[in-house]
PDB file of N, CA and C in Angstrom:
ATOM      1  N   UNK A   1     174.073 115.370  82.027  1.00  0.00           N
ATOM      2  CA  UNK A   1     174.302 113.969  82.330  1.00  0.00           C
ATOM      3  C   UNK A   1     175.684 113.850  82.970  1.00  0.00           C
ATOM      4  N   UNK A   2     176.639 113.256  82.383  1.00  0.00           N
ATOM      5  CA  UNK A   2     178.002 113.185  82.893  1.00  0.00           C
ATOM      6  C   UNK A   2     178.089 112.865  84.365  1.00  0.00           C
ATOM      7  N   UNK A   3     179.168 113.293  84.990  1.00  0.00           N
ATOM      8  CA  UNK A   3     179.355 113.074  86.403  1.00  0.00           C
ATOM      9  C   UNK A   3     179.504 111.625  86.797  1.00  0.00           C
ATOM     10  N   UNK A   4     180.036 110.812  85.931  1.00  0.00           N
ATOM     11  CA  UNK A   4     180.190 109.387  86.235  1.00  0.00           C
ATOM     12  C   UNK A   4     181.363 109.172  87.180  1.00  0.00           C
ATOM     13  N   UNK A   5     181.236 108.144  88.012  1.00  0.00           N
ATOM     14  CA  UNK A   5     182.317 107.783  88.906  1.00  0.00           C
ATOM     15  C   UNK A   5     182.675 106.334  88.645  1.00  0.00           C
ATOM     16  N   UNK A   6     183.954 106.096  88.352  1.00  0.00           N
ATOM     17  CA  UNK A   6     184.423 104.744  88.061  1.00  0.00           C
ATOM     18  C   UNK A   6     185.625 104.417  88.936  1.00  0.00           C
ATOM     19  N   UNK A   7     185.871 103.127  89.054  1.00  0.00           N
ATOM     20  CA  UNK A   7     187.014 102.638  89.816  1.00  0.00           C
ATOM     21  C   UNK A   7     187.635 101.504  89.036  1.00  0.00           C
ATOM     22  N   UNK A   8     188.975 101.475  88.976  1.00  0.00           N
ATOM     23  CA  UNK A   8     189.656 100.412  88.258  1.00  0.00           C
ATOM     24  C   UNK A   8     191.138 100.427  88.546  1.00  0.00           C
ATOM     25  N   UNK A   9     191.846  99.528  87.910  1.00  0.00           N
ATOM     26  CA  UNK A   9     193.293  99.420  88.056  1.00  0.00           C
ATOM     27  C   UNK A   9     193.938 100.172  86.909  1.00  0.00           C
ATOM     28  N   UNK A  10     194.718 101.204  87.238  1.00  0.00           N
ATOM     29  CA  UNK A  10     195.350 102.005  86.185  1.00  0.00           C
ATOM     30  C   UNK A  10     196.490 101.210  85.558  1.00  0.00           C
ATOM     31  N   UNK A  11     196.377 100.987  84.264  1.00  0.00           N
ATOM     32  CA  UNK A  11     197.389 100.236  83.524  1.00  0.00           C
ATOM     33  C   UNK A  11     198.334 101.151  82.765  1.00  0.00           C
ATOM     34  N   UNK A  12     197.833 102.321  82.343  1.00  0.00           N
ATOM     35  CA  UNK A  12     198.662 103.216  81.542  1.00  0.00           C
ATOM     36  C   UNK A  12     198.065 104.616  81.538  1.00  0.00           C
ATOM     37  N   UNK A  13     198.907 105.598  81.190  1.00  0.00           N
ATOM     38  CA  UNK A  13     198.461 106.977  81.017  1.00  0.00           C
ATOM     39  C   UNK A  13     199.421 107.654  80.053  1.00  0.00           C
ATOM     40  N   UNK A  14     199.035 108.826  79.573  1.00  0.00           N
ATOM     41  CA  UNK A  14     199.922 109.585  78.696  1.00  0.00           C
ATOM     42  C   UNK A  14     199.986 111.042  79.157  1.00  0.00           C
ATOM     43  N   UNK A  15     200.669 111.880  78.392  1.00  0.00           N
ATOM     44  CA  UNK A  15     200.875 113.282  78.766  1.00  0.00           C
ATOM     45  C   UNK A  15     199.572 114.074  78.828  1.00  0.00           C
ATOM     46  N   UNK A  16     198.540 113.627  78.130  1.00  0.00           N
ATOM     47  CA  UNK A  16     197.252 114.330  78.143  1.00  0.00           C
ATOM     48  C   UNK A  16     196.321 113.789  79.228  1.00  0.00           C
ATOM     49  N   UNK A  17     196.837 112.900  80.081  1.00  0.00           N
ATOM     50  CA  UNK A  17     196.097 112.261  81.172  1.00  0.00           C
ATOM     51  C   UNK A  17     194.990 111.343  80.671  1.00  0.00           C
ATOM     52  N   UNK A  18     195.136 110.817  79.455  1.00  0.00           N
ATOM     53  CA  UNK A  18     194.249 109.739  79.020  1.00  0.00           C
ATOM     54  C   UNK A  18     194.642 108.518  79.846  1.00  0.00           C
ATOM     55  N   UNK A  19     193.670 107.821  80.420  1.00  0.00           N
ATOM     56  CA  UNK A  19     193.948 106.689  81.289  1.00  0.00           C
ATOM     57  C   UNK A  19     193.409 105.395  80.694  1.00  0.00           C
ATOM     58  N   UNK A  20     194.150 104.324  80.885  1.00  0.00           N
ATOM     59  CA  UNK A  20     193.656 102.987  80.564  1.00  0.00           C
ATOM     60  C   UNK A  20     193.431 102.302  81.898  1.00  0.00           C
ATOM     61  N   UNK A  21     192.177 101.911  82.168  1.00  0.00           N
ATOM     62  CA  UNK A  21     191.808 101.250  83.415  1.00  0.00           C
ATOM     63  C   UNK A  21     191.340  99.832  83.128  1.00  0.00           C
ATOM     64  N   UNK A  22     191.755  98.891  83.970  1.00  0.00           N
ATOM     65  CA  UNK A  22     191.329  97.504  83.839  1.00  0.00           C
ATOM     66  C   UNK A  22     190.421  97.149  85.013  1.00  0.00           C
ATOM     67  N   UNK A  23     189.581  96.162  84.847  1.00  0.00           N
ATOM     68  CA  UNK A  23     188.605  95.749  85.870  1.00  0.00           C
ATOM     69  C   UNK A  23     187.789  96.948  86.351  1.00  0.00           C
ATOM     70  N   UNK A  24     187.379  97.770  85.417  1.00  0.00           N
ATOM     71  CA  UNK A  24     186.662  99.003  85.748  1.00  0.00           C
ATOM     72  C   UNK A  24     185.217  98.710  86.104  1.00  0.00           C
ATOM     73  N   UNK A  25     184.750  99.404  87.136  1.00  0.00           N
ATOM     74  CA  UNK A  25     183.329  99.333  87.482  1.00  0.00           C
ATOM     75  C   UNK A  25     182.808 100.752  87.663  1.00  0.00           C
ATOM     76  N   UNK A  26     181.584 100.964  87.193  1.00  0.00           N
ATOM     77  CA  UNK A  26     180.933 102.268  87.289  1.00  0.00           C
ATOM     78  C   UNK A  26     179.929 102.221  88.435  1.00  0.00           C
ATOM     79  N   UNK A  27     179.948 103.242  89.260  1.00  0.00           N
ATOM     80  CA  UNK A  27     178.971 103.358  90.333  1.00  0.00           C
ATOM     81  C   UNK A  27     177.735 104.040  89.767  1.00  0.00           C
ATOM     82  N   UNK A  28     176.575 103.394  89.919  1.00  0.00           N
ATOM     83  CA  UNK A  28     175.338 103.893  89.328  1.00  0.00           C
ATOM     84  C   UNK A  28     174.692 104.962  90.207  1.00  0.00           C
ATOM     85  N   UNK A  29     173.976 105.875  89.546  1.00  0.00           N
ATOM     86  CA  UNK A  29     173.299 106.963  90.247  1.00  0.00           C
ATOM     87  C   UNK A  29     171.894 106.546  90.661  1.00  0.00           C
ATOM     88  N   UNK A  30     171.382 107.216  91.669  1.00  0.00           N
ATOM     89  CA  UNK A  30     170.031 106.967  92.149  1.00  0.00           C
ATOM     90  C   UNK A  30     169.016 107.455  91.124  1.00  0.00           C
ATOM     91  N   UNK A  31     167.943 106.683  90.920  1.00  0.00           N
ATOM     92  CA  UNK A  31     166.890 107.091  89.985  1.00  0.00           C
ATOM     93  C   UNK A  31     166.112 108.278  90.535  1.00  0.00           C
ATOM     94  N   UNK A  32     166.002 108.368  91.864  1.00  0.00           N
ATOM     95  CA  UNK A  32     165.269 109.469  92.490  1.00  0.00           C
ATOM     96  C   UNK A  32     166.055 110.768  92.487  1.00  0.00           C
ATOM     97  N   UNK A  33     167.375 110.674  92.737  1.00  0.00           N
ATOM     98  CA  UNK A  33     168.223 111.867  92.805  1.00  0.00           C
ATOM     99  C   UNK A  33     169.510 111.588  92.032  1.00  0.00           C
ATOM    100  N   UNK A  34     169.606 112.060  90.786  1.00  0.00           N
ATOM    101  CA  UNK A  34     170.774 111.758  89.947  1.00  0.00           C
ATOM    102  C   UNK A  34     172.101 112.295  90.488  1.00  0.00           C
ATOM    103  N   UNK A  35     172.059 113.140  91.513  1.00  0.00           N
ATOM    104  CA  UNK A  35     173.312 113.661  92.069  1.00  0.00           C
ATOM    105  C   UNK A  35     173.887 112.724  93.130  1.00  0.00           C
ATOM    106  N   UNK A  36     173.161 111.657  93.482  1.00  0.00           N
ATOM    107  CA  UNK A  36     173.630 110.717  94.508  1.00  0.00           C
ATOM    108  C   UNK A  36     173.943 109.364  93.888  1.00  0.00           C
ATOM    109  N   UNK A  37     175.054 108.779  94.355  1.00  0.00           N
ATOM    110  CA  UNK A  37     175.465 107.449  93.894  1.00  0.00           C
ATOM    111  C   UNK A  37     174.833 106.378  94.767  1.00  0.00           C
ATOM    112  N   UNK A  38     174.586 105.237  94.183  1.00  0.00           N
ATOM    113  CA  UNK A  38     174.071 104.089  94.937  1.00  0.00           C
ATOM    114  C   UNK A  38     175.209 103.096  95.155  1.00  0.00           C
ATOM    115  N   UNK A  39     174.938 102.011  95.849  1.00  0.00           N
ATOM    116  CA  UNK A  39     175.936 100.961  96.047  1.00  0.00           C
ATOM    117  C   UNK A  39     175.992 100.014  94.854  1.00  0.00           C
ATOM    118  N   UNK A  40     175.080 100.190  93.900  1.00  0.00           N
ATOM    119  CA  UNK A  40     175.057  99.332  92.713  1.00  0.00           C
ATOM    120  C   UNK A  40     176.191  99.713  91.772  1.00  0.00           C
ATOM    121  N   UNK A  41     176.789  98.706  91.157  1.00  0.00           N
ATOM    122  CA  UNK A  41     177.857  98.947  90.183  1.00  0.00           C
ATOM    123  C   UNK A  41     177.547  98.220  88.889  1.00  0.00           C
ATOM    124  N   UNK A  42     178.223  98.676  87.835  1.00  0.00           N
ATOM    125  CA  UNK A  42     178.104  98.040  86.522  1.00  0.00           C
ATOM    126  C   UNK A  42     179.517  97.743  86.045  1.00  0.00           C
ATOM    127  N   UNK A  43     179.855  96.489  85.752  1.00  0.00           N
ATOM    128  CA  UNK A  43     181.212  96.173  85.288  1.00  0.00           C
ATOM    129  C   UNK A  43     181.434  96.692  83.866  1.00  0.00           C
ATOM    130  N   UNK A  44     182.563  97.350  83.657  1.00  0.00           N
ATOM    131  CA  UNK A  44     182.910  97.877  82.329  1.00  0.00           C
ATOM    132  C   UNK A  44     184.123  97.180  81.728  1.00  0.00           C
ATOM    133  N   UNK A  45     184.941  96.516  82.541  1.00  0.00           N
ATOM    134  CA  UNK A  45     186.125  95.825  82.034  1.00  0.00           C
ATOM    135  C   UNK A  45     187.257  96.783  81.721  1.00  0.00           C
ATOM    136  N   UNK A  46     187.904  96.602  80.571  1.00  0.00           N
ATOM    137  CA  UNK A  46     189.015  97.447  80.143  1.00  0.00           C
ATOM    138  C   UNK A  46     188.460  98.706  79.497  1.00  0.00           C
ATOM    139  N   UNK A  47     188.850  99.877  79.999  1.00  0.00           N
ATOM    140  CA  UNK A  47     188.312 101.135  79.484  1.00  0.00           C
ATOM    141  C   UNK A  47     189.417 102.142  79.225  1.00  0.00           C
ATOM    142  N   UNK A  48     189.129 103.087  78.340  1.00  0.00           N
ATOM    143  CA  UNK A  48     190.002 104.232  78.096  1.00  0.00           C
ATOM    144  C   UNK A  48     189.213 105.476  78.492  1.00  0.00           C
ATOM    145  N   UNK A  49     189.760 106.250  79.418  1.00  0.00           N
ATOM    146  CA  UNK A  49     189.122 107.488  79.874  1.00  0.00           C
ATOM    147  C   UNK A  49     189.886 108.661  79.278  1.00  0.00           C
ATOM    148  N   UNK A  50     189.193 109.528  78.561  1.00  0.00           N
ATOM    149  CA  UNK A  50     189.848 110.680  77.936  1.00  0.00           C
ATOM    150  C   UNK A  50     190.245 111.696  78.987  1.00  0.00           C
ATOM    151  N   UNK A  51     191.472 112.174  78.889  1.00  0.00           N
ATOM    152  CA  UNK A  51     192.012 113.105  79.872  1.00  0.00           C
ATOM    153  C   UNK A  51     191.215 114.387  80.020  1.00  0.00           C
ATOM    154  N   UNK A  52     190.578 114.839  78.940  1.00  0.00           N
ATOM    155  CA  UNK A  52     189.822 116.094  79.006  1.00  0.00           C
ATOM    156  C   UNK A  52     188.566 115.964  79.852  1.00  0.00           C
ATOM    157  N   UNK A  53     188.126 114.738  80.134  1.00  0.00           N
ATOM    158  CA  UNK A  53     186.910 114.550  80.923  1.00  0.00           C
ATOM    159  C   UNK A  53     187.187 114.089  82.353  1.00  0.00           C
ATOM    160  N   UNK A  54     188.447 113.920  82.722  1.00  0.00           N
ATOM    161  CA  UNK A  54     188.803 113.439  84.057  1.00  0.00           C
ATOM    162  C   UNK A  54     188.925 114.614  85.015  1.00  0.00           C
ATOM    163  N   UNK A  55     188.229 114.528  86.138  1.00  0.00           N
ATOM    164  CA  UNK A  55     188.258 115.597  87.133  1.00  0.00           C
ATOM    165  C   UNK A  55     189.144 115.249  88.325  1.00  0.00           C
ATOM    166  N   UNK A  56     189.228 113.972  88.704  1.00  0.00           N
ATOM    167  CA  UNK A  56     189.957 113.580  89.899  1.00  0.00           C
ATOM    168  C   UNK A  56     190.484 112.162  89.744  1.00  0.00           C
ATOM    169  N   UNK A  57     191.723 111.965  90.164  1.00  0.00           N
ATOM    170  CA  UNK A  57     192.324 110.637  90.196  1.00  0.00           C
ATOM    171  C   UNK A  57     192.917 110.465  91.590  1.00  0.00           C
ATOM    172  N   UNK A  58     192.520 109.410  92.288  1.00  0.00           N
ATOM    173  CA  UNK A  58     193.095 109.170  93.612  1.00  0.00           C
ATOM    174  C   UNK A  58     193.163 107.667  93.872  1.00  0.00           C
ATOM    175  N   UNK A  59     194.193 107.230  94.622  1.00  0.00           N
ATOM    176  CA  UNK A  59     194.288 105.799  94.947  1.00  0.00           C
ATOM    177  C   UNK A  59     193.231 105.419  95.964  1.00  0.00           C
ATOM    178  N   UNK A  60     192.682 104.215  95.830  1.00  0.00           N
ATOM    179  CA  UNK A  60     191.674 103.756  96.781  1.00  0.00           C
ATOM    180  C   UNK A  60     192.256 102.783  97.795  1.00  0.00           C
ATOM    181  N   UNK A  61     193.240 102.019  97.389  1.00  0.00           N
ATOM    182  CA  UNK A  61     193.844 101.027  98.284  1.00  0.00           C
ATOM    183  C   UNK A  61     195.319 101.316  98.515  1.00  0.00           C
ATOM    184  N   UNK A  62     195.716 102.575  98.407  1.00  0.00           N
ATOM    185  CA  UNK A  62     197.112 102.911  98.570  1.00  0.00           C
ATOM    186  C   UNK A  62     197.895 102.677  97.290  1.00  0.00           C
ATOM    187  N   UNK A  63     199.196 102.634  97.417  1.00  0.00           N
ATOM    188  CA  UNK A  63     200.047 102.431  96.251  1.00  0.00           C
ATOM    189  C   UNK A  63     201.342 101.785  96.704  1.00  0.00           C
ATOM    190  N   UNK A  64     202.107 101.271  95.755  1.00  0.00           N
ATOM    191  CA  UNK A  64     203.385 100.666  96.082  1.00  0.00           C
ATOM    192  C   UNK A  64     204.421 101.112  95.069  1.00  0.00           C
ATOM    193  N   UNK A  65     205.651 101.258  95.525  1.00  0.00           N
ATOM    194  CA  UNK A  65     206.736 101.674  94.653  1.00  0.00           C
ATOM    195  C   UNK A  65     207.288 100.445  93.944  1.00  0.00           C
ATOM    196  N   UNK A  66     207.543 100.581  92.652  1.00  0.00           N
ATOM    197  CA  UNK A  66     208.120  99.483  91.878  1.00  0.00           C
ATOM    198  C   UNK A  66     209.489  99.907  91.369  1.00  0.00           C
ATOM    199  N   UNK A  67     210.301  98.944  91.007  1.00  0.00           N
ATOM    200  CA  UNK A  67     211.633  99.235  90.469  1.00  0.00           C
ATOM    201  C   UNK A  67     211.500  99.948  89.130  1.00  0.00           C
ATOM    202  N   UNK A  68     212.419 100.884  88.875  1.00  0.00           N
ATOM    203  CA  UNK A  68     212.416 101.634  87.623  1.00  0.00           C
ATOM    204  C   UNK A  68     212.957 100.746  86.506  1.00  0.00           C
ATOM    205  N   UNK A  69     212.127 100.372  85.522  1.00  0.00           N
ATOM    206  CA  UNK A  69     212.602  99.484  84.456  1.00  0.00           C
ATOM    207  C   UNK A  69     213.539 100.187  83.476  1.00  0.00           C
ATOM    208  N   UNK A  70     213.641 101.514  83.531  1.00  0.00           N
ATOM    209  CA  UNK A  70     214.473 102.265  82.599  1.00  0.00           C
ATOM    210  C   UNK A  70     215.833 102.624  83.191  1.00  0.00           C
ATOM    211  N   UNK A  71     216.064 102.299  84.454  1.00  0.00           N
ATOM    212  CA  UNK A  71     217.320 102.603  85.119  1.00  0.00           C
ATOM    213  C   UNK A  71     218.421 101.711  84.567  1.00  0.00           C
ATOM    214  N   UNK A  72     219.524 102.312  84.140  1.00  0.00           N
ATOM    215  CA  UNK A  72     220.649 101.571  83.582  1.00  0.00           C
ATOM    216  C   UNK A  72     221.466 100.944  84.706  1.00  0.00           C
ATOM    217  N   UNK A  73     222.131  99.836  84.444  1.00  0.00           N
ATOM    218  CA  UNK A  73     222.893  99.123  85.459  1.00  0.00           C
ATOM    219  C   UNK A  73     224.016  99.969  86.043  1.00  0.00           C
ATOM    220  N   UNK A  74     224.722 100.753  85.220  1.00  0.00           N
ATOM    221  CA  UNK A  74     225.823 101.572  85.719  1.00  0.00           C
ATOM    222  C   UNK A  74     225.326 102.669  86.671  1.00  0.00           C
ATOM    223  N   UNK A  75     224.085 103.139  86.486  1.00  0.00           N
ATOM    224  CA  UNK A  75     223.510 104.126  87.402  1.00  0.00           C
ATOM    225  C   UNK A  75     223.180 103.485  88.744  1.00  0.00           C
ATOM    226  N   UNK A  76     222.784 102.207  88.741  1.00  0.00           N
ATOM    227  CA  UNK A  76     222.481 101.499  89.974  1.00  0.00           C
ATOM    228  C   UNK A  76     223.733 101.332  90.822  1.00  0.00           C
ATOM    229  N   UNK A  77     224.888 101.044  90.185  1.00  0.00           N
ATOM    230  CA  UNK A  77     226.141 100.848  90.894  1.00  0.00           C
ATOM    231  C   UNK A  77     226.640 102.139  91.517  1.00  0.00           C
ATOM    232  N   UNK A  78     226.333 103.286  90.910  1.00  0.00           N
ATOM    233  CA  UNK A  78     226.777 104.582  91.400  1.00  0.00           C
ATOM    234  C   UNK A  78     226.078 104.952  92.696  1.00  0.00           C
ATOM    235  N   UNK A  79     224.886 104.398  92.927  1.00  0.00           N
ATOM    236  CA  UNK A  79     224.122 104.727  94.153  1.00  0.00           C
ATOM    237  C   UNK A  79     224.610 104.040  95.349  1.00  0.00           C
TER     238      UNK A  79
END
């Protein structure tokens, strides 16, 4: 079975690559050929994906850099 493909907004991760995804949707497989995905999706909402079962993580709409919330003010002045 397995081989599921999902898409969502990554909210969090840890050192073991466990992921928390929001607005997750699963792409359904074809009934005739389980190795092919269809255009049909199933909404899953907020999900936790175990790192041991994740094969690939890639951005679908690009990415953006955000300010480092852990950067101390004195380090910012030094730059």
